[in-house]
Amino acid sequence: MANPARGLESKALKLSRRDRARLAQRLLSSLDQEADGDAEQLWLEEAERRLGQLKSGKAVGIPAEKVIKKARSTLR
């Protein structure tokens, strides 16, 4: 059987932005159940800061497809 993670990745990328974010958060938190207690709050603040930059036009987003394509080519 092919790599099951690739199949899951393909399905996950078809989810809505909100569902992908929720899934990503759950997957990341499952990696280290004993993470620094302040880390989650700090990441939330960073995410909110970045969102503010995007909304104000101070930062420009890069489409996920472009980022994933570049990451895959770098990893090969």
N, C-alpha and C. Protein backbone atom coordinates (compact mmCIF):
# COMPACT_ATOMS: atom_id res chain seq x y z
N MET A 1 0.84 -1.19 0.00
CA MET A 1 0.00 0.00 0.00
C MET A 1 0.88 1.25 0.00
N ALA A 2 0.42 2.27 -0.68
CA ALA A 2 1.14 3.53 -0.73
C ALA A 2 1.19 4.15 0.67
N ASN A 3 2.01 5.16 0.81
CA ASN A 3 2.17 5.84 2.08
C ASN A 3 0.81 6.41 2.54
N PRO A 4 0.26 5.91 3.66
CA PRO A 4 -1.06 6.39 4.09
C PRO A 4 -1.06 7.87 4.47
N ALA A 5 0.08 8.39 4.88
CA ALA A 5 0.14 9.80 5.25
C ALA A 5 -0.14 10.69 4.05
N ARG A 6 0.31 10.29 2.87
CA ARG A 6 0.06 11.10 1.66
C ARG A 6 -1.43 11.17 1.35
N GLY A 7 -2.12 10.05 1.54
CA GLY A 7 -3.57 10.04 1.33
C GLY A 7 -4.28 10.95 2.32
N LEU A 8 -3.86 10.89 3.57
CA LEU A 8 -4.44 11.76 4.59
C LEU A 8 -4.14 13.22 4.29
N GLU A 9 -2.91 13.47 3.85
CA GLU A 9 -2.53 14.85 3.52
C GLU A 9 -3.41 15.39 2.40
N SER A 10 -3.62 14.58 1.38
CA SER A 10 -4.45 15.00 0.25
C SER A 10 -5.86 15.33 0.71
N LYS A 11 -6.42 14.49 1.57
CA LYS A 11 -7.77 14.74 2.08
C LYS A 11 -7.79 15.96 2.98
N ALA A 12 -6.77 16.11 3.82
CA ALA A 12 -6.72 17.24 4.75
C ALA A 12 -6.65 18.56 4.00
N LEU A 13 -5.91 18.60 2.91
CA LEU A 13 -5.76 19.85 2.15
C LEU A 13 -7.07 20.27 1.47
N LYS A 14 -8.02 19.37 1.37
CA LYS A 14 -9.32 19.70 0.79
C LYS A 14 -10.30 20.25 1.82
N LEU A 15 -9.91 20.21 3.10
CA LEU A 15 -10.76 20.74 4.16
C LEU A 15 -10.80 22.27 4.10
N SER A 16 -11.79 22.82 4.77
CA SER A 16 -11.88 24.28 4.84
C SER A 16 -10.69 24.81 5.64
N ARG A 17 -10.41 26.07 5.50
CA ARG A 17 -9.30 26.71 6.22
C ARG A 17 -9.45 26.49 7.73
N ARG A 18 -10.64 26.69 8.23
CA ARG A 18 -10.89 26.52 9.67
C ARG A 18 -10.63 25.08 10.11
N ASP A 19 -11.11 24.11 9.34
CA ASP A 19 -10.91 22.70 9.70
C ASP A 19 -9.43 22.31 9.60
N ARG A 20 -8.72 22.85 8.60
CA ARG A 20 -7.28 22.57 8.48
C ARG A 20 -6.53 23.13 9.69
N ALA A 21 -6.89 24.33 10.11
CA ALA A 21 -6.24 24.94 11.28
C ALA A 21 -6.52 24.12 12.54
N ARG A 22 -7.74 23.69 12.70
CA ARG A 22 -8.10 22.87 13.86
C ARG A 22 -7.33 21.55 13.85
N LEU A 23 -7.26 20.92 12.69
CA LEU A 23 -6.53 19.66 12.57
C LEU A 23 -5.05 19.87 12.84
N ALA A 24 -4.48 20.92 12.29
CA ALA A 24 -3.06 21.20 12.51
C ALA A 24 -2.77 21.41 13.99
N GLN A 25 -3.64 22.14 14.66
CA GLN A 25 -3.45 22.39 16.09
C GLN A 25 -3.50 21.09 16.87
N ARG A 26 -4.44 20.23 16.55
CA ARG A 26 -4.56 18.96 17.27
C ARG A 26 -3.38 18.06 17.00
N LEU A 27 -2.91 18.03 15.76
CA LEU A 27 -1.75 17.19 15.43
C LEU A 27 -0.51 17.69 16.15
N LEU A 28 -0.30 18.99 16.13
CA LEU A 28 0.88 19.55 16.79
C LEU A 28 0.83 19.32 18.30
N SER A 29 -0.32 19.49 18.89
CA SER A 29 -0.41 19.30 20.34
C SER A 29 -0.23 17.83 20.71
N SER A 30 -0.53 16.93 19.79
CA SER A 30 -0.35 15.51 20.09
C SER A 30 1.12 15.10 20.11
N LEU A 31 1.98 15.91 19.50
CA LEU A 31 3.41 15.59 19.45
C LEU A 31 4.09 15.77 20.80
N ASP A 32 3.65 16.73 21.55
CA ASP A 32 4.30 17.01 22.82
C ASP A 32 3.25 17.43 23.84
N GLN A 33 2.76 16.49 24.57
CA GLN A 33 1.73 16.75 25.56
C GLN A 33 2.25 17.58 26.73
N GLU A 34 3.56 17.61 26.91
CA GLU A 34 4.14 18.34 28.03
C GLU A 34 4.83 19.63 27.57
N ALA A 35 4.28 20.26 26.57
CA ALA A 35 4.88 21.49 26.04
C ALA A 35 4.80 22.60 27.09
N ASP A 36 5.64 23.57 26.91
CA ASP A 36 5.65 24.73 27.79
C ASP A 36 4.25 25.33 27.87
N GLY A 37 3.77 25.55 29.07
CA GLY A 37 2.43 26.07 29.27
C GLY A 37 2.20 27.43 28.64
N ASP A 38 3.24 28.22 28.52
CA ASP A 38 3.11 29.55 27.91
C ASP A 38 3.17 29.50 26.39
N ALA A 39 3.65 28.41 25.85
CA ALA A 39 3.87 28.33 24.40
C ALA A 39 2.57 28.53 23.62
N GLU A 40 1.50 27.90 24.06
CA GLU A 40 0.24 28.02 23.33
C GLU A 40 -0.23 29.48 23.29
N GLN A 41 -0.15 30.16 24.42
CA GLN A 41 -0.57 31.56 24.47
C GLN A 41 0.34 32.42 23.60
N LEU A 42 1.63 32.16 23.63
CA LEU A 42 2.57 32.93 22.80
C LEU A 42 2.30 32.71 21.32
N TRP A 43 2.03 31.46 20.93
CA TRP A 43 1.72 31.19 19.52
C TRP A 43 0.42 31.86 19.10
N LEU A 44 -0.56 31.85 19.99
CA LEU A 44 -1.83 32.51 19.68
C LEU A 44 -1.61 34.01 19.47
N GLU A 45 -0.83 34.62 20.34
CA GLU A 45 -0.53 36.05 20.19
C GLU A 45 0.22 36.32 18.89
N GLU A 46 1.15 35.44 18.54
CA GLU A 46 1.90 35.60 17.28
C GLU A 46 0.98 35.47 16.08
N ALA A 47 0.08 34.50 16.13
CA ALA A 47 -0.87 34.31 15.03
C ALA A 47 -1.77 35.54 14.88
N GLU A 48 -2.22 36.07 16.00
CA GLU A 48 -3.07 37.26 15.95
C GLU A 48 -2.29 38.47 15.41
N ARG A 49 -1.03 38.59 15.79
CA ARG A 49 -0.19 39.68 15.29
C ARG A 49 -0.03 39.57 13.78
N ARG A 50 0.24 38.35 13.31
CA ARG A 50 0.43 38.15 11.87
C ARG A 50 -0.87 38.39 11.10
N LEU A 51 -1.98 37.95 11.67
CA LEU A 51 -3.27 38.19 11.02
C LEU A 51 -3.53 39.68 10.90
N GLY A 52 -3.20 40.42 11.95
CA GLY A 52 -3.35 41.87 11.91
C GLY A 52 -2.52 42.49 10.80
N GLN A 53 -1.29 41.99 10.62
CA GLN A 53 -0.44 42.50 9.55
C GLN A 53 -1.02 42.20 8.18
N LEU A 54 -1.58 41.00 8.02
CA LEU A 54 -2.20 40.65 6.74
C LEU A 54 -3.41 41.56 6.45
N LYS A 55 -4.24 41.73 7.47
CA LYS A 55 -5.44 42.55 7.27
C LYS A 55 -5.12 44.01 7.00
N SER A 56 -4.05 44.51 7.61
CA SER A 56 -3.68 45.92 7.42
C SER A 56 -2.90 46.15 6.13
N GLY A 57 -2.45 45.07 5.49
CA GLY A 57 -1.67 45.21 4.27
C GLY A 57 -0.18 45.35 4.51
N LYS A 58 0.25 45.29 5.77
CA LYS A 58 1.68 45.38 6.07
C LYS A 58 2.43 44.11 5.65
N ALA A 59 1.70 43.02 5.52
CA ALA A 59 2.29 41.75 5.08
C ALA A 59 1.41 41.19 3.97
N VAL A 60 2.04 40.44 3.09
CA VAL A 60 1.31 39.81 1.98
C VAL A 60 1.46 38.30 2.12
N GLY A 61 0.34 37.61 2.03
CA GLY A 61 0.36 36.16 2.16
C GLY A 61 0.86 35.48 0.89
N ILE A 62 1.28 34.25 1.07
CA ILE A 62 1.71 33.41 -0.05
C ILE A 62 0.72 32.25 -0.13
N PRO A 63 0.16 31.97 -1.31
CA PRO A 63 -0.79 30.87 -1.43
C PRO A 63 -0.18 29.55 -0.93
N ALA A 64 -0.99 28.78 -0.20
CA ALA A 64 -0.52 27.51 0.37
C ALA A 64 0.06 26.59 -0.70
N GLU A 65 -0.56 26.56 -1.86
CA GLU A 65 -0.08 25.68 -2.92
C GLU A 65 1.37 26.00 -3.30
N LYS A 66 1.68 27.28 -3.35
CA LYS A 66 3.03 27.72 -3.71
C LYS A 66 4.03 27.32 -2.62
N VAL A 67 3.63 27.50 -1.36
CA VAL A 67 4.50 27.15 -0.24
C VAL A 67 4.76 25.64 -0.21
N ILE A 68 3.71 24.86 -0.39
CA ILE A 68 3.84 23.41 -0.36
C ILE A 68 4.71 22.93 -1.51
N LYS A 69 4.50 23.50 -2.70
CA LYS A 69 5.32 23.12 -3.85
C LYS A 69 6.79 23.41 -3.60
N LYS A 70 7.09 24.58 -3.04
CA LYS A 70 8.48 24.93 -2.74
C LYS A 70 9.05 24.01 -1.67
N ALA A 71 8.28 23.71 -0.64
CA ALA A 71 8.75 22.82 0.43
C ALA A 71 9.06 21.44 -0.12
N ARG A 72 8.16 20.93 -0.95
CA ARG A 72 8.39 19.60 -1.52
C ARG A 72 9.62 19.57 -2.40
N SER A 73 9.83 20.61 -3.20
CA SER A 73 10.99 20.62 -4.07
C SER A 73 12.28 20.75 -3.26
N THR A 74 12.21 21.47 -2.15
CA THR A 74 13.38 21.61 -1.28
C THR A 74 13.73 20.30 -0.60
N LEU A 75 12.71 19.54 -0.23
CA LEU A 75 12.93 18.27 0.48
C LEU A 75 13.40 17.14 -0.43
N ARG A 76 13.28 17.31 -1.72
CA ARG A 76 13.68 16.24 -2.65
C ARG A 76 15.14 16.25 -2.91
